[in-house]
């Protein structure tokens, strides 16, 4: 019997050599086999398979290359994979992903950058996070958060500073603290005032009675 050449294999009856189909190859052993993962053969009778270029991967039949979808990338021999957290690829066929930069983050599809919402910020890692407990960001796209000055503190959603309520105070950039026993304050106080002799602070620490 004669050996079949590369790119072919014997038919079922062993009467002739037939070409390997696209997506398959054979070397000198004369047996067609599927191309390795992420390699292709696009024609009949391939002796070897070819790698897909960066930005693409083998299709399901391994008979051709297809571009990576937007939000995915391929640097070379590997299959397309989703962009890392905080990065995007906006168009098909990306070889790598782009960082969104400060004040932004990648959307859930990994195809575009979007601004951080008020009350949040991001550094260069492209991931929005809530401002620290005593800081605010008042607009979209903050790269850092701002501290509230004395006599004030962040509001509930950390988008603006509000005066310390009556009965509390803040003498630095921290949160408002309740006045101590025997002391009172009005709104926006940097310190609490002592009640004079013959009086005491009411329950809310807002006035002496």
C-alpha atoms as a PDB file:
ATOM      1  CA  UNK A   1       0.000   0.000   0.000  1.00  0.00           C
ATOM      2  CA  UNK A   2       1.070   3.561  -0.699  1.00  0.00           C
ATOM      3  CA  UNK A   3       1.171   6.307   1.900  1.00  0.00           C
ATOM      4  CA  UNK A   4      -1.153   9.256   1.474  1.00  0.00           C
ATOM      5  CA  UNK A   5       0.714  12.566   1.298  1.00  0.00           C
ATOM      6  CA  UNK A   6       0.243  15.443   3.730  1.00  0.00           C
ATOM      7  CA  UNK A   7      -3.083  17.200   3.376  1.00  0.00           C
ATOM      8  CA  UNK A   8      -4.834  13.941   2.475  1.00  0.00           C
ATOM      9  CA  UNK A   9      -6.020  10.718   4.071  1.00  0.00           C
ATOM     10  CA  UNK A  10      -7.261   7.357   2.824  1.00  0.00           C
ATOM     11  CA  UNK A  11     -10.983   7.056   2.090  1.00  0.00           C
ATOM     12  CA  UNK A  12     -13.089   4.482   3.944  1.00  0.00           C
ATOM     13  CA  UNK A  13     -12.443   1.819   1.322  1.00  0.00           C
ATOM     14  CA  UNK A  14      -8.681   2.525   1.332  1.00  0.00           C
ATOM     15  CA  UNK A  15      -8.829   2.868  -2.469  1.00  0.00           C
ATOM     16  CA  UNK A  16      -7.721   6.481  -2.843  1.00  0.00           C
ATOM     17  CA  UNK A  17      -6.406   9.460  -0.956  1.00  0.00           C
ATOM     18  CA  UNK A  18      -8.859  12.305  -0.359  1.00  0.00           C
ATOM     19  CA  UNK A  19      -8.187  15.887   0.715  1.00  0.00           C
ATOM     20  CA  UNK A  20      -8.676  16.982   4.309  1.00  0.00           C
ATOM     21  CA  UNK A  21     -11.595  19.401   4.694  1.00  0.00           C
ATOM     22  CA  UNK A  22     -11.151  23.037   5.782  1.00  0.00           C
ATOM     23  CA  UNK A  23     -10.618  23.115   9.552  1.00  0.00           C
ATOM     24  CA  UNK A  24      -8.533  19.948   9.348  1.00  0.00           C
ATOM     25  CA  UNK A  25      -4.990  19.020   8.316  1.00  0.00           C
ATOM     26  CA  UNK A  26      -2.749  16.020   8.003  1.00  0.00           C
ATOM     27  CA  UNK A  27       0.992  15.657   8.156  1.00  0.00           C
ATOM     28  CA  UNK A  28       3.021  12.767   6.829  1.00  0.00           C
ATOM     29  CA  UNK A  29       0.984  10.173   8.750  1.00  0.00           C
ATOM     30  CA  UNK A  30      -1.923  10.605   6.312  1.00  0.00           C
ATOM     31  CA  UNK A  31      -4.709  11.050   8.889  1.00  0.00           C
ATOM     32  CA  UNK A  32      -6.783  14.232   8.876  1.00  0.00           C
ATOM     33  CA  UNK A  33      -7.271  15.844  12.295  1.00  0.00           C
ATOM     34  CA  UNK A  34      -8.860  19.024  13.535  1.00  0.00           C
ATOM     35  CA  UNK A  35      -6.670  22.102  13.716  1.00  0.00           C
ATOM     36  CA  UNK A  36      -5.387  22.947  17.214  1.00  0.00           C
ATOM     37  CA  UNK A  37      -7.356  25.467  19.249  1.00  0.00           C
ATOM     38  CA  UNK A  38      -7.306  28.956  17.663  1.00  0.00           C
ATOM     39  CA  UNK A  39      -5.610  27.734  14.489  1.00  0.00           C
ATOM     40  CA  UNK A  40      -7.313  27.389  11.114  1.00  0.00           C
ATOM     41  CA  UNK A  41      -7.065  25.820   7.677  1.00  0.00           C
ATOM     42  CA  UNK A  42      -9.193  27.620   5.137  1.00  0.00           C
ATOM     43  CA  UNK A  43      -8.822  25.306   2.146  1.00  0.00           C
ATOM     44  CA  UNK A  44      -8.939  21.624   1.174  1.00  0.00           C
ATOM     45  CA  UNK A  45      -5.776  19.617   1.591  1.00  0.00           C
ATOM     46  CA  UNK A  46      -3.899  21.553   4.252  1.00  0.00           C
ATOM     47  CA  UNK A  47      -0.643  20.089   5.515  1.00  0.00           C
ATOM     48  CA  UNK A  48      -0.629  22.421   8.537  1.00  0.00           C
ATOM     49  CA  UNK A  49      -2.816  24.997  10.246  1.00  0.00           C
ATOM     50  CA  UNK A  50      -2.248  28.724  10.548  1.00  0.00           C
ATOM     51  CA  UNK A  51      -2.555  30.924  13.626  1.00  0.00           C
ATOM     52  CA  UNK A  52      -5.080  33.737  13.621  1.00  0.00           C
ATOM     53  CA  UNK A  53      -3.550  37.218  13.851  1.00  0.00           C
ATOM     54  CA  UNK A  54      -3.921  39.453  16.901  1.00  0.00           C
ATOM     55  CA  UNK A  55      -7.438  40.875  17.256  1.00  0.00           C
ATOM     56  CA  UNK A  56      -9.080  37.701  15.940  1.00  0.00           C
ATOM     57  CA  UNK A  57      -9.725  34.053  16.737  1.00  0.00           C
ATOM     58  CA  UNK A  58     -10.625  30.844  14.904  1.00  0.00           C
ATOM     59  CA  UNK A  59     -14.310  30.464  14.042  1.00  0.00           C
ATOM     60  CA  UNK A  60     -16.350  27.486  15.284  1.00  0.00           C
ATOM     61  CA  UNK A  61     -15.304  25.221  12.388  1.00  0.00           C
ATOM     62  CA  UNK A  62     -11.654  26.388  12.474  1.00  0.00           C
ATOM     63  CA  UNK A  63     -11.921  27.133   8.772  1.00  0.00           C
ATOM     64  CA  UNK A  64     -11.310  30.883   9.072  1.00  0.00           C
ATOM     65  CA  UNK A  65     -10.521  33.727  11.477  1.00  0.00           C
ATOM     66  CA  UNK A  66     -13.130  36.102  12.885  1.00  0.00           C
ATOM     67  CA  UNK A  67     -12.567  39.459  14.577  1.00  0.00           C
ATOM     68  CA  UNK A  68     -12.905  39.734  18.339  1.00  0.00           C
ATOM     69  CA  UNK A  69     -16.133  41.479  19.348  1.00  0.00           C
ATOM     70  CA  UNK A  70     -16.034  44.966  20.841  1.00  0.00           C
ATOM     71  CA  UNK A  71     -15.334  44.607  24.563  1.00  0.00           C
ATOM     72  CA  UNK A  72     -12.902  41.753  23.862  1.00  0.00           C
ATOM     73  CA  UNK A  73      -9.299  41.522  22.653  1.00  0.00           C
ATOM     74  CA  UNK A  74      -6.673  39.061  21.466  1.00  0.00           C
ATOM     75  CA  UNK A  75      -2.968  39.761  21.662  1.00  0.00           C
ATOM     76  CA  UNK A  76      -1.877  36.979  19.355  1.00  0.00           C
ATOM     77  CA  UNK A  77      -2.145  33.214  19.658  1.00  0.00           C
ATOM     78  CA  UNK A  78      -4.826  33.143  22.365  1.00  0.00           C
ATOM     79  CA  UNK A  79      -8.566  33.262  21.786  1.00  0.00           C
ATOM     80  CA  UNK A  80     -10.510  36.502  22.288  1.00  0.00           C
ATOM     81  CA  UNK A  81     -11.022  37.365  25.937  1.00  0.00           C
ATOM     82  CA  UNK A  82     -13.004  40.047  27.732  1.00  0.00           C
ATOM     83  CA  UNK A  83     -11.201  43.300  28.481  1.00  0.00           C
ATOM     84  CA  UNK A  84      -9.861  43.505  32.053  1.00  0.00           C
ATOM     85  CA  UNK A  85     -11.936  45.441  34.578  1.00  0.00           C
ATOM     86  CA  UNK A  86     -11.684  49.201  33.999  1.00  0.00           C
ATOM     87  CA  UNK A  87     -10.600  48.909  30.343  1.00  0.00           C
ATOM     88  CA  UNK A  88     -12.479  48.908  27.028  1.00  0.00           C
ATOM     89  CA  UNK A  89     -12.249  48.050  23.344  1.00  0.00           C
ATOM     90  CA  UNK A  90     -14.690  50.161  21.369  1.00  0.00           C
ATOM     91  CA  UNK A  91     -14.497  48.399  18.003  1.00  0.00           C
ATOM     92  CA  UNK A  92     -14.164  44.793  16.782  1.00  0.00           C
ATOM     93  CA  UNK A  93     -10.659  43.404  16.199  1.00  0.00           C
ATOM     94  CA  UNK A  94      -8.884  44.925  19.198  1.00  0.00           C
ATOM     95  CA  UNK A  95      -5.344  43.737  19.930  1.00  0.00           C
ATOM     96  CA  UNK A  96      -5.457  45.214  23.431  1.00  0.00           C
ATOM     97  CA  UNK A  97      -7.813  47.229  25.628  1.00  0.00           C
ATOM     98  CA  UNK A  98      -7.620  50.887  26.612  1.00  0.00           C
ATOM     99  CA  UNK A  99      -7.722  52.325  30.113  1.00  0.00           C
ATOM    100  CA  UNK A 100     -10.583  54.716  30.801  1.00  0.00           C
ATOM    101  CA  UNK A 101      -8.452  57.037  32.942  1.00  0.00           C
ATOM    102  CA  UNK A 102      -9.389  59.048  36.010  1.00  0.00           C
ATOM    103  CA  UNK A 103     -12.977  60.188  36.509  1.00  0.00           C
ATOM    104  CA  UNK A 104     -14.354  57.407  34.320  1.00  0.00           C
ATOM    105  CA  UNK A 105     -15.006  53.677  34.309  1.00  0.00           C
ATOM    106  CA  UNK A 106     -15.814  51.023  31.721  1.00  0.00           C
ATOM    107  CA  UNK A 107     -19.496  50.253  31.167  1.00  0.00           C
ATOM    108  CA  UNK A 108     -20.783  46.702  31.708  1.00  0.00           C
ATOM    109  CA  UNK A 109     -20.156  45.770  28.055  1.00  0.00           C
ATOM    110  CA  UNK A 110     -16.525  46.942  28.117  1.00  0.00           C
ATOM    111  CA  UNK A 111     -17.121  48.925  24.910  1.00  0.00           C
ATOM    112  CA  UNK A 112     -17.138  52.516  26.179  1.00  0.00           C
ATOM    113  CA  UNK A 113     -16.051  54.677  29.104  1.00  0.00           C
ATOM    114  CA  UNK A 114     -18.597  56.512  31.224  1.00  0.00           C
ATOM    115  CA  UNK A 115     -18.196  59.263  33.814  1.00  0.00           C
ATOM    116  CA  UNK A 116     -18.324  58.484  37.518  1.00  0.00           C
ATOM    117  CA  UNK A 117     -21.522  59.813  39.078  1.00  0.00           C
ATOM    118  CA  UNK A 118     -21.576  62.541  41.766  1.00  0.00           C
ATOM    119  CA  UNK A 119     -20.547  61.072  45.104  1.00  0.00           C
ATOM    120  CA  UNK A 120     -18.057  58.769  43.366  1.00  0.00           C
ATOM    121  CA  UNK A 121     -14.562  59.094  41.884  1.00  0.00           C
ATOM    122  CA  UNK A 122     -11.925  57.041  40.097  1.00  0.00           C
ATOM    123  CA  UNK A 123      -8.168  57.232  39.875  1.00  0.00           C
ATOM    124  CA  UNK A 124      -6.237  55.887  36.918  1.00  0.00           C
ATOM    125  CA  UNK A 125      -7.583  52.343  37.395  1.00  0.00           C
ATOM    126  CA  UNK A 126     -10.869  53.149  35.600  1.00  0.00           C
ATOM    127  CA  UNK A 127     -13.134  51.911  38.414  1.00  0.00           C
ATOM    128  CA  UNK A 128     -15.531  54.337  40.105  1.00  0.00           C
ATOM    129  CA  UNK A 129     -15.804  54.051  43.869  1.00  0.00           C
ATOM    130  CA  UNK A 130     -17.697  55.959  46.522  1.00  0.00           C
ATOM    131  CA  UNK A 131     -15.980  58.917  48.129  1.00  0.00           C
ATOM    132  CA  UNK A 132     -14.504  58.340  51.599  1.00  0.00           C
ATOM    133  CA  UNK A 133     -17.046  58.913  54.368  1.00  0.00           C
ATOM    134  CA  UNK A 134     -16.084  62.539  55.087  1.00  0.00           C
ATOM    135  CA  UNK A 135     -15.570  63.656  51.456  1.00  0.00           C
ATOM    136  CA  UNK A 136     -17.746  64.643  48.470  1.00  0.00           C
ATOM    137  CA  UNK A 137     -17.749  64.934  44.685  1.00  0.00           C
ATOM    138  CA  UNK A 138     -20.363  67.338  43.400  1.00  0.00           C
ATOM    139  CA  UNK A 139     -20.201  66.668  39.654  1.00  0.00           C
ATOM    140  CA  UNK A 140     -19.676  63.855  37.172  1.00  0.00           C
ATOM    141  CA  UNK A 141     -16.183  62.642  36.314  1.00  0.00           C
ATOM    142  CA  UNK A 142     -14.346  63.322  39.555  1.00  0.00           C
ATOM    143  CA  UNK A 143     -10.742  62.136  39.713  1.00  0.00           C
ATOM    144  CA  UNK A 144     -10.657  62.747  43.472  1.00  0.00           C
ATOM    145  CA  UNK A 145     -13.053  63.779  46.231  1.00  0.00           C
ATOM    146  CA  UNK A 146     -13.069  67.027  48.215  1.00  0.00           C
ATOM    147  CA  UNK A 147     -13.201  67.445  51.975  1.00  0.00           C
ATOM    148  CA  UNK A 148     -15.833  69.555  53.711  1.00  0.00           C
ATOM    149  CA  UNK A 149     -14.457  72.355  55.845  1.00  0.00           C
ATOM    150  CA  UNK A 150     -15.037  73.012  59.514  1.00  0.00           C
ATOM    151  CA  UNK A 151     -18.697  73.427  60.590  1.00  0.00           C
ATOM    152  CA  UNK A 152     -19.946  71.182  57.774  1.00  0.00           C
ATOM    153  CA  UNK A 153     -20.114  67.568  56.631  1.00  0.00           C
ATOM    154  CA  UNK A 154     -21.117  65.602  53.500  1.00  0.00           C
ATOM    155  CA  UNK A 155     -24.814  65.116  52.794  1.00  0.00           C
ATOM    156  CA  UNK A 156     -26.300  61.610  52.675  1.00  0.00           C
ATOM    157  CA  UNK A 157     -25.251  60.855  49.074  1.00  0.00           C
ATOM    158  CA  UNK A 158     -21.902  62.669  49.399  1.00  0.00           C
ATOM    159  CA  UNK A 159     -22.595  65.123  46.586  1.00  0.00           C
ATOM    160  CA  UNK A 160     -22.447  68.372  48.613  1.00  0.00           C
ATOM    161  CA  UNK A 161     -21.436  69.749  51.989  1.00  0.00           C
ATOM    162  CA  UNK A 162     -24.099  70.759  54.519  1.00  0.00           C
ATOM    163  CA  UNK A 163     -23.780  72.798  57.702  1.00  0.00           C
ATOM    164  CA  UNK A 164     -23.576  70.874  60.932  1.00  0.00           C
ATOM    165  CA  UNK A 165     -27.082  70.734  62.466  1.00  0.00           C
ATOM    166  CA  UNK A 166     -27.776  72.672  65.649  1.00  0.00           C
ATOM    167  CA  UNK A 167     -26.570  70.636  68.622  1.00  0.00           C
ATOM    168  CA  UNK A 168     -23.463  69.452  66.777  1.00  0.00           C
ATOM    169  CA  UNK A 169     -20.116  70.908  65.697  1.00  0.00           C
ATOM    170  CA  UNK A 170     -17.064  70.253  63.537  1.00  0.00           C
ATOM    171  CA  UNK A 171     -13.754  71.990  64.107  1.00  0.00           C
ATOM    172  CA  UNK A 172     -11.852  70.267  61.298  1.00  0.00           C
ATOM    173  CA  UNK A 173     -12.536  68.298  58.099  1.00  0.00           C
ATOM    174  CA  UNK A 174     -14.250  65.415  59.913  1.00  0.00           C
ATOM    175  CA  UNK A 175     -17.902  64.605  60.498  1.00  0.00           C
ATOM    176  CA  UNK A 176     -20.091  66.709  62.791  1.00  0.00           C
ATOM    177  CA  UNK A 177     -20.020  65.582  66.426  1.00  0.00           C
ATOM    178  CA  UNK A 178     -22.730  66.081  69.069  1.00  0.00           C
ATOM    179  CA  UNK A 179     -22.136  68.748  71.683  1.00  0.00           C
ATOM    180  CA  UNK A 180     -21.037  67.477  75.071  1.00  0.00           C
ATOM    181  CA  UNK A 181     -23.059  67.734  78.302  1.00  0.00           C
ATOM    182  CA  UNK A 182     -23.823  71.303  79.334  1.00  0.00           C
ATOM    183  CA  UNK A 183     -22.956  72.765  75.929  1.00  0.00           C
ATOM    184  CA  UNK A 184     -25.048  73.892  72.947  1.00  0.00           C
ATOM    185  CA  UNK A 185     -24.616  75.045  69.363  1.00  0.00           C
ATOM    186  CA  UNK A 186     -26.572  76.558  66.505  1.00  0.00           C
ATOM    187  CA  UNK A 187     -26.288  75.294  62.899  1.00  0.00           C
ATOM    188  CA  UNK A 188     -22.826  75.550  61.323  1.00  0.00           C
ATOM    189  CA  UNK A 189     -20.844  75.610  64.545  1.00  0.00           C
ATOM    190  CA  UNK A 190     -17.129  74.997  64.832  1.00  0.00           C
ATOM    191  CA  UNK A 191     -17.444  74.559  68.613  1.00  0.00           C
ATOM    192  CA  UNK A 192     -20.121  74.249  71.274  1.00  0.00           C
ATOM    193  CA  UNK A 193     -20.758  76.946  73.861  1.00  0.00           C
ATOM    194  CA  UNK A 194     -21.077  76.355  77.615  1.00  0.00           C
ATOM    195  CA  UNK A 195     -24.379  77.113  79.290  1.00  0.00           C
ATOM    196  CA  UNK A 196     -24.109  79.789  82.006  1.00  0.00           C
ATOM    197  CA  UNK A 197     -24.745  79.155  85.653  1.00  0.00           C
ATOM    198  CA  UNK A 198     -28.384  78.518  86.448  1.00  0.00           C
ATOM    199  CA  UNK A 199     -29.073  76.916  83.049  1.00  0.00           C
ATOM    200  CA  UNK A 200     -28.515  73.618  81.329  1.00  0.00           C
ATOM    201  CA  UNK A 201     -28.561  72.332  77.783  1.00  0.00           C
ATOM    202  CA  UNK A 202     -31.875  71.007  76.472  1.00  0.00           C
ATOM    203  CA  UNK A 203     -32.092  67.421  75.229  1.00  0.00           C
ATOM    204  CA  UNK A 204     -31.209  68.446  71.656  1.00  0.00           C
ATOM    205  CA  UNK A 205     -28.222  70.534  72.858  1.00  0.00           C
ATOM    206  CA  UNK A 206     -29.557  73.448  70.792  1.00  0.00           C
ATOM    207  CA  UNK A 207     -30.193  75.973  73.588  1.00  0.00           C
ATOM    208  CA  UNK A 208     -29.687  76.552  77.251  1.00  0.00           C
ATOM    209  CA  UNK A 209     -32.816  76.427  79.427  1.00  0.00           C
END
